[in-house]
């Protein structure tokens, strides 16, 4: 009996589903943001600040950024696994990208709740 050779990290369906869910969240946010922006009385700083001062819009924006960063993580990780063959280089790149994305989540939270 021949054993099949299994390679990769076996993420498969979970990552496929995560990419679709995060894409839907980002698309819904885009619609919500567009409607909110179109309903602004003018393009002043005060109007934009008012749009984002509500708890719902802050949470929706934060959810958008978390979805964006997770979507990016899955995509970049898959690209690295497919095209970067040396394990050490791939580990360093994974670590750098993961740390940057975690930092960006913190930065987005700081910006949103500093308003």
N, C-alpha and C. Protein backbone atom coordinates (compact mmCIF):
# COMPACT_ATOMS: atom_id res chain seq x y z
N UNK A 1 0.84 -1.18 0.00
CA UNK A 1 0.00 0.00 0.00
C UNK A 1 0.88 1.24 0.00
N UNK A 2 0.52 2.19 -0.82
CA UNK A 2 1.30 3.42 -0.95
C UNK A 2 0.64 4.49 -0.09
N UNK A 3 1.44 5.10 0.78
CA UNK A 3 0.93 6.20 1.61
C UNK A 3 0.97 7.49 0.81
N UNK A 4 -0.10 8.25 0.84
CA UNK A 4 -0.05 9.54 0.14
C UNK A 4 0.86 10.51 0.87
N UNK A 5 1.54 11.34 0.10
CA UNK A 5 2.41 12.35 0.69
C UNK A 5 1.56 13.59 0.96
N UNK A 6 1.49 13.97 2.21
CA UNK A 6 0.70 15.13 2.60
C UNK A 6 1.66 16.25 2.96
N UNK A 7 1.48 17.37 2.29
CA UNK A 7 2.34 18.51 2.56
C UNK A 7 1.49 19.70 2.93
N UNK A 8 2.11 20.72 3.45
CA UNK A 8 1.38 21.93 3.82
C UNK A 8 0.93 21.87 5.26
N UNK A 9 0.19 22.87 5.63
CA UNK A 9 -0.22 23.01 7.03
C UNK A 9 -1.63 22.48 7.28
N UNK A 10 -2.30 21.98 6.26
CA UNK A 10 -3.63 21.37 6.39
C UNK A 10 -4.68 22.36 6.89
N UNK A 11 -4.63 23.60 6.45
CA UNK A 11 -5.61 24.57 6.90
C UNK A 11 -6.88 24.46 6.06
N UNK A 12 -6.73 24.31 4.77
CA UNK A 12 -7.80 24.04 3.85
C UNK A 12 -9.10 24.79 4.03
N UNK A 13 -10.14 24.06 4.42
CA UNK A 13 -11.49 24.61 4.50
C UNK A 13 -11.57 25.75 5.50
N UNK A 14 -10.90 25.65 6.63
CA UNK A 14 -10.97 26.71 7.65
C UNK A 14 -10.46 28.03 7.09
N UNK A 15 -9.36 28.00 6.38
CA UNK A 15 -8.82 29.23 5.80
C UNK A 15 -9.68 29.74 4.65
N UNK A 16 -10.22 28.83 3.86
CA UNK A 16 -11.11 29.23 2.78
C UNK A 16 -12.32 29.95 3.36
N UNK A 17 -12.90 29.37 4.42
CA UNK A 17 -14.06 29.98 5.06
C UNK A 17 -13.70 31.32 5.71
N UNK A 18 -12.54 31.39 6.36
CA UNK A 18 -12.10 32.64 6.99
C UNK A 18 -11.94 33.74 5.96
N UNK A 19 -11.38 33.42 4.79
CA UNK A 19 -11.22 34.41 3.74
C UNK A 19 -12.59 34.93 3.28
N UNK A 20 -13.56 34.04 3.16
CA UNK A 20 -14.89 34.45 2.69
C UNK A 20 -15.62 35.27 3.75
N UNK A 21 -15.54 34.85 5.01
CA UNK A 21 -16.22 35.57 6.09
C UNK A 21 -15.64 36.97 6.24
N UNK A 22 -14.31 37.07 6.25
CA UNK A 22 -13.70 38.39 6.40
C UNK A 22 -14.00 39.27 5.19
N UNK A 23 -14.09 38.69 4.00
CA UNK A 23 -14.44 39.47 2.81
C UNK A 23 -15.86 40.00 2.92
N UNK A 24 -16.79 39.19 3.44
CA UNK A 24 -18.17 39.64 3.61
C UNK A 24 -18.24 40.76 4.64
N UNK A 25 -17.50 40.62 5.75
CA UNK A 25 -17.49 41.66 6.78
C UNK A 25 -16.96 42.96 6.19
N UNK A 26 -15.89 42.89 5.41
CA UNK A 26 -15.33 44.10 4.81
C UNK A 26 -16.29 44.72 3.79
N UNK A 27 -16.98 43.88 3.02
CA UNK A 27 -17.94 44.39 2.04
C UNK A 27 -19.13 45.08 2.74
N UNK A 28 -19.64 44.47 3.80
CA UNK A 28 -20.74 45.09 4.55
C UNK A 28 -20.32 46.41 5.17
N UNK A 29 -19.12 46.44 5.73
CA UNK A 29 -18.63 47.70 6.31
C UNK A 29 -18.50 48.78 5.23
N UNK A 30 -18.04 48.39 4.05
CA UNK A 30 -17.89 49.35 2.97
C UNK A 30 -19.23 49.99 2.62
N UNK A 31 -20.29 49.19 2.60
CA UNK A 31 -21.63 49.72 2.32
C UNK A 31 -22.07 50.65 3.46
N UNK A 32 -21.87 50.22 4.71
CA UNK A 32 -22.25 51.04 5.87
C UNK A 32 -21.48 52.36 5.87
N UNK A 33 -20.19 52.28 5.60
CA UNK A 33 -19.36 53.48 5.56
C UNK A 33 -19.80 54.42 4.44
N UNK A 34 -20.06 53.85 3.26
CA UNK A 34 -20.48 54.68 2.12
C UNK A 34 -21.79 55.40 2.42
N UNK A 35 -22.75 54.69 3.01
CA UNK A 35 -24.02 55.31 3.35
C UNK A 35 -23.80 56.42 4.38
N UNK A 36 -23.00 56.13 5.41
CA UNK A 36 -22.71 57.14 6.43
C UNK A 36 -22.03 58.36 5.85
N UNK A 37 -21.08 58.14 4.94
CA UNK A 37 -20.36 59.26 4.33
C UNK A 37 -21.28 60.08 3.42
N UNK A 38 -22.16 59.41 2.72
CA UNK A 38 -23.08 60.13 1.84
C UNK A 38 -24.12 60.94 2.61
N UNK A 39 -24.42 60.51 3.82
CA UNK A 39 -25.41 61.22 4.62
C UNK A 39 -24.82 62.36 5.45
N UNK A 40 -23.51 62.55 5.38
CA UNK A 40 -22.89 63.66 6.10
C UNK A 40 -23.37 64.99 5.53
N UNK A 41 -23.64 65.96 6.39
CA UNK A 41 -24.10 67.26 5.88
C UNK A 41 -23.02 68.00 5.09
N UNK A 42 -21.77 67.86 5.48
CA UNK A 42 -20.66 68.49 4.76
C UNK A 42 -19.41 67.67 5.00
N UNK A 43 -18.31 68.10 4.42
CA UNK A 43 -17.06 67.35 4.55
C UNK A 43 -16.13 67.94 5.60
N UNK A 44 -16.69 68.51 6.63
CA UNK A 44 -15.86 69.13 7.66
C UNK A 44 -15.32 68.08 8.63
N UNK A 45 -14.31 68.48 9.35
CA UNK A 45 -13.71 67.62 10.36
C UNK A 45 -14.75 67.22 11.41
N UNK A 46 -15.59 68.17 11.80
CA UNK A 46 -16.59 67.91 12.83
C UNK A 46 -17.60 66.85 12.37
N UNK A 47 -17.97 66.90 11.10
CA UNK A 47 -18.91 65.90 10.57
C UNK A 47 -18.29 64.50 10.57
N UNK A 48 -17.05 64.41 10.13
CA UNK A 48 -16.38 63.11 10.12
C UNK A 48 -16.18 62.60 11.54
N UNK A 49 -15.81 63.49 12.43
CA UNK A 49 -15.64 63.09 13.83
C UNK A 49 -16.96 62.61 14.42
N UNK A 50 -18.05 63.30 14.06
CA UNK A 50 -19.36 62.88 14.52
C UNK A 50 -19.75 61.51 13.99
N UNK A 51 -19.37 61.22 12.76
CA UNK A 51 -19.67 59.90 12.19
C UNK A 51 -18.99 58.79 12.98
N UNK A 52 -17.75 59.02 13.37
CA UNK A 52 -16.99 57.98 14.06
C UNK A 52 -17.08 58.07 15.58
N UNK A 53 -17.81 59.05 16.11
CA UNK A 53 -17.88 59.17 17.57
C UNK A 53 -18.88 58.20 18.18
N UNK A 54 -19.80 57.68 17.39
CA UNK A 54 -20.76 56.71 17.90
C UNK A 54 -20.10 55.36 18.13
N UNK A 55 -20.55 54.67 19.15
CA UNK A 55 -19.96 53.38 19.49
C UNK A 55 -20.10 52.35 18.39
N UNK A 56 -21.24 52.38 17.66
CA UNK A 56 -21.45 51.41 16.60
C UNK A 56 -20.41 51.56 15.50
N UNK A 57 -20.19 52.80 15.05
CA UNK A 57 -19.25 53.02 13.95
C UNK A 57 -17.82 52.71 14.37
N UNK A 58 -17.48 53.02 15.62
CA UNK A 58 -16.14 52.67 16.11
C UNK A 58 -15.96 51.16 16.12
N UNK A 59 -16.96 50.44 16.64
CA UNK A 59 -16.87 48.99 16.68
C UNK A 59 -16.84 48.41 15.27
N UNK A 60 -17.70 48.91 14.38
CA UNK A 60 -17.74 48.40 13.01
C UNK A 60 -16.41 48.65 12.29
N UNK A 61 -15.82 49.81 12.52
CA UNK A 61 -14.53 50.12 11.90
C UNK A 61 -13.44 49.22 12.45
N UNK A 62 -13.46 49.00 13.77
CA UNK A 62 -12.46 48.12 14.37
C UNK A 62 -12.63 46.69 13.84
N UNK A 63 -13.86 46.23 13.73
CA UNK A 63 -14.13 44.90 13.17
C UNK A 63 -13.65 44.81 11.73
N UNK A 64 -13.83 45.90 10.97
CA UNK A 64 -13.33 45.94 9.60
C UNK A 64 -11.81 45.76 9.58
N UNK A 65 -11.10 46.49 10.44
CA UNK A 65 -9.64 46.39 10.43
C UNK A 65 -9.16 45.03 10.91
N UNK A 66 -9.81 44.46 11.91
CA UNK A 66 -9.43 43.11 12.35
C UNK A 66 -9.66 42.11 11.21
N UNK A 67 -10.78 42.24 10.52
CA UNK A 67 -11.07 41.36 9.39
C UNK A 67 -10.04 41.55 8.27
N UNK A 68 -9.71 42.80 8.00
CA UNK A 68 -8.71 43.10 6.96
C UNK A 68 -7.37 42.47 7.29
N UNK A 69 -6.94 42.63 8.55
CA UNK A 69 -5.64 42.10 8.93
C UNK A 69 -5.64 40.58 8.96
N UNK A 70 -6.74 39.96 9.39
CA UNK A 70 -6.79 38.49 9.39
C UNK A 70 -6.84 37.98 7.95
N UNK A 71 -7.58 38.66 7.10
CA UNK A 71 -7.66 38.31 5.68
C UNK A 71 -6.25 38.39 5.07
N UNK A 72 -5.54 39.45 5.38
CA UNK A 72 -4.18 39.62 4.88
C UNK A 72 -3.26 38.53 5.42
N UNK A 73 -3.41 38.20 6.70
CA UNK A 73 -2.56 37.17 7.31
C UNK A 73 -2.72 35.84 6.59
N UNK A 74 -3.95 35.43 6.36
CA UNK A 74 -4.19 34.13 5.70
C UNK A 74 -3.59 34.14 4.30
N UNK A 75 -3.80 35.22 3.57
CA UNK A 75 -3.27 35.29 2.22
C UNK A 75 -1.75 35.31 2.17
N UNK A 76 -1.14 36.15 2.99
CA UNK A 76 0.32 36.25 2.99
C UNK A 76 0.95 34.96 3.49
N UNK A 77 0.36 34.36 4.52
CA UNK A 77 0.88 33.10 5.05
C UNK A 77 0.86 32.02 3.97
N UNK A 78 -0.23 31.94 3.23
CA UNK A 78 -0.32 30.94 2.16
C UNK A 78 0.70 31.20 1.06
N UNK A 79 0.90 32.47 0.72
CA UNK A 79 1.91 32.80 -0.29
C UNK A 79 3.29 32.40 0.20
N UNK A 80 3.61 32.70 1.46
CA UNK A 80 4.91 32.32 2.01
C UNK A 80 5.08 30.80 2.01
N UNK A 81 4.03 30.07 2.41
CA UNK A 81 4.14 28.61 2.46
C UNK A 81 4.33 28.02 1.06
N UNK A 82 3.73 28.65 0.05
CA UNK A 82 3.84 28.13 -1.31
C UNK A 82 5.17 28.48 -1.98
N UNK A 83 5.69 29.68 -1.71
CA UNK A 83 6.82 30.15 -2.51
C UNK A 83 8.13 30.35 -1.76
N UNK A 84 8.12 30.38 -0.44
CA UNK A 84 9.37 30.53 0.32
C UNK A 84 9.73 29.15 0.87
N UNK A 85 10.71 28.52 0.27
CA UNK A 85 11.03 27.15 0.64
C UNK A 85 11.93 27.02 1.88
N UNK A 86 12.95 27.87 2.06
CA UNK A 86 13.77 27.72 3.28
C UNK A 86 12.94 28.00 4.54
N UNK A 87 12.91 27.04 5.43
CA UNK A 87 12.06 27.13 6.62
C UNK A 87 12.42 28.32 7.49
N UNK A 88 13.70 28.59 7.68
CA UNK A 88 14.12 29.71 8.53
C UNK A 88 13.66 31.05 7.98
N UNK A 89 13.81 31.24 6.69
CA UNK A 89 13.39 32.49 6.07
C UNK A 89 11.87 32.64 6.20
N UNK A 90 11.16 31.55 5.95
CA UNK A 90 9.70 31.59 6.05
C UNK A 90 9.26 31.91 7.47
N UNK A 91 9.92 31.34 8.47
CA UNK A 91 9.60 31.62 9.87
C UNK A 91 9.83 33.08 10.21
N UNK A 92 10.94 33.64 9.75
CA UNK A 92 11.22 35.06 10.00
C UNK A 92 10.17 35.94 9.34
N UNK A 93 9.83 35.63 8.09
CA UNK A 93 8.81 36.43 7.39
C UNK A 93 7.45 36.31 8.06
N UNK A 94 7.07 35.09 8.47
CA UNK A 94 5.81 34.91 9.20
C UNK A 94 5.80 35.74 10.48
N UNK A 95 6.89 35.71 11.20
CA UNK A 95 6.97 36.44 12.46
C UNK A 95 6.87 37.94 12.24
N UNK A 96 7.58 38.45 11.26
CA UNK A 96 7.55 39.89 10.98
C UNK A 96 6.14 40.32 10.59
N UNK A 97 5.51 39.58 9.70
CA UNK A 97 4.16 39.94 9.25
C UNK A 97 3.17 39.85 10.42
N UNK A 98 3.26 38.79 11.22
CA UNK A 98 2.35 38.63 12.35
C UNK A 98 2.51 39.77 13.35
N UNK A 99 3.73 40.13 13.67
CA UNK A 99 3.97 41.23 14.61
C UNK A 99 3.47 42.56 14.05
N UNK A 100 3.70 42.80 12.77
CA UNK A 100 3.20 44.03 12.15
C UNK A 100 1.68 44.09 12.20
N UNK A 101 1.01 43.00 11.85
CA UNK A 101 -0.45 43.00 11.83
C UNK A 101 -1.03 43.16 13.24
N UNK A 102 -0.41 42.54 14.23
CA UNK A 102 -0.86 42.72 15.62
C UNK A 102 -0.66 44.17 16.04
N UNK A 103 0.46 44.75 15.66
CA UNK A 103 0.71 46.16 15.96
C UNK A 103 -0.30 47.07 15.28
N UNK A 104 -0.66 46.74 14.05
CA UNK A 104 -1.65 47.55 13.33
C UNK A 104 -3.02 47.47 13.99
N UNK A 105 -3.38 46.32 14.54
CA UNK A 105 -4.66 46.20 15.25
C UNK A 105 -4.65 47.13 16.47
N UNK A 106 -3.56 47.12 17.22
CA UNK A 106 -3.44 48.01 18.37
C UNK A 106 -3.48 49.48 17.96
N UNK A 107 -2.83 49.80 16.88
CA UNK A 107 -2.80 51.17 16.38
C UNK A 107 -4.19 51.61 15.95
N UNK A 108 -4.93 50.73 15.26
CA UNK A 108 -6.29 51.06 14.85
C UNK A 108 -7.18 51.30 16.08
N UNK A 109 -7.04 50.47 17.10
CA UNK A 109 -7.83 50.65 18.34
C UNK A 109 -7.48 51.98 18.99
N UNK A 110 -6.21 52.30 19.04
CA UNK A 110 -5.79 53.56 19.65
C UNK A 110 -6.37 54.75 18.89
N UNK A 111 -6.35 54.70 17.58
CA UNK A 111 -6.89 55.81 16.78
C UNK A 111 -8.40 55.92 16.98
N UNK A 112 -9.09 54.80 16.93
CA UNK A 112 -10.56 54.83 17.01
C UNK A 112 -11.07 55.31 18.35
N UNK A 113 -10.42 54.87 19.43
CA UNK A 113 -10.94 55.23 20.74
C UNK A 113 -10.27 56.47 21.34
N UNK A 114 -9.41 57.11 20.55
CA UNK A 114 -8.85 58.39 20.96
C UNK A 114 -9.77 59.52 20.58
N UNK A 115 -10.69 59.27 19.66
CA UNK A 115 -11.63 60.31 19.23
C UNK A 115 -12.37 60.76 20.42
